[in-house]
N, C-alpha and C. Protein backbone atom coordinates (compact mmCIF):
# COMPACT_ATOMS: atom_id res chain seq x y z
N UNK A 1 60.66 156.61 52.37
CA UNK A 1 60.58 158.15 51.39
C UNK A 1 61.72 159.36 52.38
N UNK A 2 61.65 160.18 50.99
CA UNK A 2 62.79 160.97 51.34
C UNK A 2 62.81 162.08 51.72
N UNK A 3 63.10 162.94 52.76
CA UNK A 3 63.32 164.12 53.20
C UNK A 3 63.71 164.46 52.58
N UNK A 4 64.31 164.74 51.92
CA UNK A 4 65.04 165.65 51.17
C UNK A 4 64.11 167.05 50.58
N UNK A 5 64.69 168.24 50.71
CA UNK A 5 64.17 169.11 50.42
C UNK A 5 63.67 169.51 48.72
N UNK A 6 64.67 168.97 48.53
CA UNK A 6 64.38 168.74 46.43
C UNK A 6 63.06 168.07 46.26
N UNK A 7 62.23 167.54 46.68
CA UNK A 7 61.68 166.15 46.59
C UNK A 7 60.50 166.68 46.96
N UNK A 8 59.83 167.83 47.78
CA UNK A 8 58.90 167.50 47.86
C UNK A 8 58.20 168.28 47.10
N UNK A 9 57.03 167.98 46.93
CA UNK A 9 56.03 168.79 45.87
C UNK A 9 56.23 170.06 45.77
N UNK A 10 56.03 170.99 46.98
CA UNK A 10 55.19 172.25 46.66
C UNK A 10 57.11 172.70 46.77
N UNK A 11 58.24 172.17 46.82
CA UNK A 11 59.48 172.97 46.84
C UNK A 11 59.38 172.50 44.91
N UNK A 12 59.26 171.53 44.41
CA UNK A 12 58.92 171.20 42.81
C UNK A 12 58.75 172.58 42.37
N UNK A 13 57.57 172.31 42.66
CA UNK A 13 56.62 173.28 41.71
C UNK A 13 57.18 174.56 42.17
N UNK A 14 57.59 174.74 43.17
CA UNK A 14 58.40 176.32 43.45
C UNK A 14 59.37 176.23 42.03
N UNK A 15 60.09 175.69 42.05
CA UNK A 15 62.17 175.05 41.47
C UNK A 15 60.90 175.09 39.64
N UNK A 16 59.45 174.32 39.62
CA UNK A 16 59.97 174.49 38.00
C UNK A 16 58.81 175.52 37.74
N UNK A 17 58.91 176.47 38.46
CA UNK A 17 57.53 177.42 38.65
C UNK A 17 59.60 178.52 38.02
N UNK A 18 60.41 178.50 38.70
CA UNK A 18 61.72 179.29 38.89
C UNK A 18 61.93 179.44 37.82
N UNK A 19 61.92 178.91 37.10
CA UNK A 19 63.18 177.70 35.91
C UNK A 19 62.43 178.81 34.62
N UNK A 20 60.87 178.12 34.97
CA UNK A 20 60.01 179.07 33.67
C UNK A 20 59.70 180.33 33.79
N UNK A 21 60.03 181.23 34.84
CA UNK A 21 60.22 182.38 35.17
C UNK A 21 61.66 183.23 34.50
N UNK A 22 62.28 181.91 34.58
CA UNK A 22 63.60 182.51 33.89
C UNK A 22 63.38 182.96 32.25
N UNK A 23 63.02 181.98 31.81
CA UNK A 23 63.41 181.56 30.52
C UNK A 23 61.74 182.22 30.16
N UNK A 24 60.86 182.49 30.32
CA UNK A 24 59.63 182.78 30.45
C UNK A 24 60.24 184.40 29.14
N UNK A 25 60.99 185.33 29.26
CA UNK A 25 60.92 186.37 28.66
C UNK A 25 61.42 186.41 27.45
N UNK A 26 62.35 184.62 26.70
CA UNK A 26 62.03 184.11 25.34
C UNK A 26 61.23 184.13 24.62
N UNK A 27 61.45 184.19 23.16
CA UNK A 27 60.19 183.27 22.59
C UNK A 27 59.78 182.01 22.99
N UNK A 28 58.36 181.48 22.97
CA UNK A 28 57.31 181.34 23.79
C UNK A 28 58.40 179.72 22.95
N UNK A 29 58.49 179.52 21.63
CA UNK A 29 58.66 178.13 21.52
C UNK A 29 60.80 177.61 21.80
N UNK A 30 61.18 179.37 22.38
CA UNK A 30 62.67 178.90 22.78
C UNK A 30 62.13 178.53 24.72
N UNK A 31 61.36 179.33 25.52
CA UNK A 31 61.54 179.61 26.31
C UNK A 31 60.55 177.39 26.47
N UNK A 32 60.17 176.77 25.91
CA UNK A 32 59.51 175.58 25.76
C UNK A 32 60.43 174.79 26.09
N UNK A 33 61.41 175.08 24.83
CA UNK A 33 62.69 174.29 25.20
C UNK A 33 63.71 174.13 25.82
N UNK A 34 64.05 175.81 26.69
CA UNK A 34 64.86 175.98 27.48
C UNK A 34 64.53 174.94 29.31
N UNK A 35 62.86 175.64 29.20
CA UNK A 35 62.64 174.73 30.40
C UNK A 35 62.94 173.23 29.85
N UNK A 36 62.37 172.54 29.41
CA UNK A 36 62.15 171.53 29.74
C UNK A 36 64.14 170.58 29.00
N UNK A 37 64.80 171.51 28.72
CA UNK A 37 66.28 170.59 28.46
C UNK A 37 66.94 171.19 30.06
N UNK A 38 66.19 172.31 30.82
CA UNK A 38 66.68 172.81 32.28
C UNK A 38 66.09 171.73 33.12
N UNK A 39 65.17 170.87 33.13
CA UNK A 39 64.51 169.91 33.74
C UNK A 39 65.11 168.42 33.55
N UNK A 40 65.35 168.15 32.23
CA UNK A 40 66.02 166.71 31.80
C UNK A 40 67.25 166.64 32.13
N UNK A 41 67.87 167.64 32.44
CA UNK A 41 69.66 168.04 32.66
C UNK A 41 69.84 168.02 33.90
N UNK A 42 69.19 168.60 34.63
CA UNK A 42 69.47 169.05 35.62
C UNK A 42 68.81 168.20 37.33
N UNK A 43 67.59 167.66 36.69
CA UNK A 43 66.58 166.41 37.49
C UNK A 43 67.21 165.59 37.42
N UNK A 44 66.59 165.03 39.03
CA UNK A 44 66.87 163.19 39.09
C UNK A 44 65.90 162.61 38.77
N UNK A 45 65.52 161.66 38.10
CA UNK A 45 64.78 161.24 37.94
C UNK A 45 63.68 160.78 38.93
N UNK A 46 63.80 161.22 40.35
CA UNK A 46 63.11 161.15 41.00
C UNK A 46 61.92 162.17 41.15
N UNK A 47 62.75 163.07 41.18
CA UNK A 47 61.89 164.98 41.37
C UNK A 47 61.96 164.69 39.84
N UNK A 48 61.43 164.34 38.68
CA UNK A 48 61.43 164.70 37.59
C UNK A 48 59.50 163.25 37.90
N UNK A 49 59.55 162.29 38.34
CA UNK A 49 58.57 161.35 38.12
C UNK A 49 57.44 162.40 39.18
N UNK A 50 57.90 162.60 40.15
CA UNK A 50 57.19 163.46 41.14
C UNK A 50 55.88 164.30 40.66
N UNK A 51 57.62 165.05 39.60
CA UNK A 51 56.29 166.18 38.65
C UNK A 51 55.34 165.72 37.96
N UNK A 52 55.82 164.88 36.87
CA UNK A 52 55.01 164.27 35.80
C UNK A 52 53.91 163.86 36.32
N UNK A 53 53.72 163.43 37.68
CA UNK A 53 52.20 162.22 38.49
C UNK A 53 51.70 163.78 38.19
N UNK A 54 52.12 164.76 39.35
CA UNK A 54 51.34 166.15 39.07
C UNK A 54 50.48 166.68 38.32
N UNK A 55 51.80 166.54 36.75
CA UNK A 55 50.92 167.32 35.95
C UNK A 55 50.02 166.92 35.54
N UNK A 56 49.70 165.37 36.11
CA UNK A 56 49.02 164.15 35.42
C UNK A 56 48.14 164.11 35.69
N UNK A 57 47.67 165.12 37.07
CA UNK A 57 46.88 164.89 38.43
C UNK A 57 46.13 166.39 38.16
N UNK A 58 46.34 166.67 36.75
CA UNK A 58 46.19 169.08 37.08
C UNK A 58 47.46 169.73 37.39
N UNK A 59 48.18 169.63 37.44
CA UNK A 59 49.16 170.22 37.62
C UNK A 59 49.07 171.89 38.90
N UNK A 60 48.42 171.40 39.64
CA UNK A 60 48.14 173.18 40.11
C UNK A 60 48.92 173.70 40.84
N UNK A 61 49.50 174.96 40.65
CA UNK A 61 50.14 175.64 40.99
C UNK A 61 51.14 176.39 39.90
N UNK A 62 51.45 174.84 38.82
CA UNK A 62 52.52 175.76 37.54
C UNK A 62 51.94 176.21 37.06
N UNK A 63 52.33 176.76 36.62
CA UNK A 63 52.71 177.79 35.35
C UNK A 63 51.94 177.14 34.35
N UNK A 64 51.09 177.47 33.11
CA UNK A 64 50.94 176.94 32.17
C UNK A 64 52.22 176.04 30.72
N UNK A 65 52.99 177.56 31.27
CA UNK A 65 54.25 177.13 29.79
C UNK A 65 55.15 176.30 30.81
N UNK A 66 55.34 176.38 31.89
CA UNK A 66 55.86 175.30 32.12
C UNK A 66 54.80 173.91 32.41
N UNK A 67 53.53 173.99 32.36
CA UNK A 67 53.11 172.19 32.28
C UNK A 67 52.95 172.33 30.65
N UNK A 68 53.00 173.08 30.16
CA UNK A 68 53.48 173.35 27.95
C UNK A 68 54.86 172.11 28.71
N UNK A 69 55.98 173.10 28.86
CA UNK A 69 57.46 172.93 28.76
C UNK A 69 57.68 171.24 29.10
N UNK A 70 57.11 170.85 30.12
CA UNK A 70 57.27 169.65 30.60
C UNK A 70 56.69 168.07 30.08
N UNK A 71 55.30 168.42 29.70
CA UNK A 71 55.12 167.31 28.28
C UNK A 71 55.64 166.89 27.29
N UNK A 72 56.53 168.10 27.34
CA UNK A 72 56.93 167.29 26.03
C UNK A 72 58.33 166.48 26.64
N UNK A 73 58.62 166.34 27.26
CA UNK A 73 60.05 165.72 27.81
C UNK A 73 59.32 164.11 27.74
N UNK A 74 59.98 162.67 27.66
CA UNK A 74 59.34 161.56 27.70
C UNK A 74 59.62 161.30 28.92
N UNK A 75 58.44 160.35 29.11
CA UNK A 75 58.23 160.33 30.66
C UNK A 75 59.06 159.92 31.05
N UNK A 76 59.54 159.57 32.98
CA UNK A 76 60.91 158.56 32.94
C UNK A 76 60.32 157.20 32.76
N UNK A 77 61.33 156.56 33.13
CA UNK A 77 61.14 155.22 33.24
C UNK A 77 61.16 155.29 34.68
N UNK A 78 60.30 154.77 35.30
CA UNK A 78 60.65 154.11 36.53
C UNK A 78 61.24 153.22 37.29
N UNK A 79 61.45 152.40 35.91
CA UNK A 79 62.89 151.46 37.06
C UNK A 79 64.60 152.68 37.27
N UNK A 80 64.50 154.01 36.29
CA UNK A 80 65.80 154.40 36.36
C UNK A 80 65.69 155.36 37.68
N UNK A 81 65.01 155.14 38.83
CA UNK A 81 64.52 155.55 39.69
C UNK A 81 65.35 154.92 41.43
N UNK A 82 66.43 155.35 41.54
CA UNK A 82 66.55 154.37 42.36
C UNK A 82 65.78 154.04 44.34
N UNK A 83 65.48 152.60 44.79
CA UNK A 83 65.03 152.55 45.63
C UNK A 83 66.17 152.36 46.71
N UNK A 84 65.65 153.43 47.59
CA UNK A 84 66.70 153.44 49.10
C UNK A 84 65.65 152.10 49.46
N UNK A 85 66.93 152.05 50.07
CA UNK A 85 67.02 150.31 51.17
C UNK A 85 67.59 151.83 52.71
N UNK A 86 66.98 150.57 53.45
CA UNK A 86 67.25 151.05 55.79
C UNK A 86 69.04 150.09 55.35
N UNK A 87 70.16 149.31 54.82
CA UNK A 87 71.08 149.30 54.68
C UNK A 87 71.50 149.67 54.33
N UNK A 88 71.33 150.92 53.60
CA UNK A 88 72.20 151.87 52.31
C UNK A 88 73.38 152.96 53.91
N UNK A 89 74.21 153.01 53.86
CA UNK A 89 75.16 153.53 54.39
C UNK A 89 75.87 153.42 56.05
N UNK A 90 75.04 152.30 56.37
CA UNK A 90 75.31 151.74 57.54
C UNK A 90 76.52 150.37 56.98
N UNK A 91 77.09 149.81 57.75
CA UNK A 91 78.12 149.11 58.53
C UNK A 91 78.13 147.81 58.43
N UNK A 92 78.60 146.52 57.04
CA UNK A 92 78.13 145.45 57.17
C UNK A 92 78.46 144.95 58.26
N UNK A 93 77.44 143.50 58.96
CA UNK A 93 77.79 143.26 60.51
C UNK A 93 78.70 142.18 59.84
N UNK A 94 79.65 141.81 60.11
CA UNK A 94 80.61 140.22 60.52
C UNK A 94 80.26 139.25 61.36
C-alpha cells in the first residue's frame, strides 16, 4: 500500500475539486473537457483508478462538475498500474 500523500483518497478528492474550481469559471462544456484533460494528462494511473472506484461508489465529496468530467474519461486499465515490490530499491544479494 502506498504512503504517498497524493495517493490518499481524501487528498485525491481535494485535488480533483481544486482542479474543478479552477475550470468552473469557464463555460460548462469547456470546464468538463478541461478537468478531464488535466486529470488524464497529469494523474498517475493509480490515482485515476482510485478516484474512478470512488465515483463508482457514489463519489462522496466530489463536486458534480468533477464527477461529470471524470466520467468522460476511459477507464484506467488496471494492468497499467505498476505493482510495488518489496525488493524495489534494495541492492541485489550475490
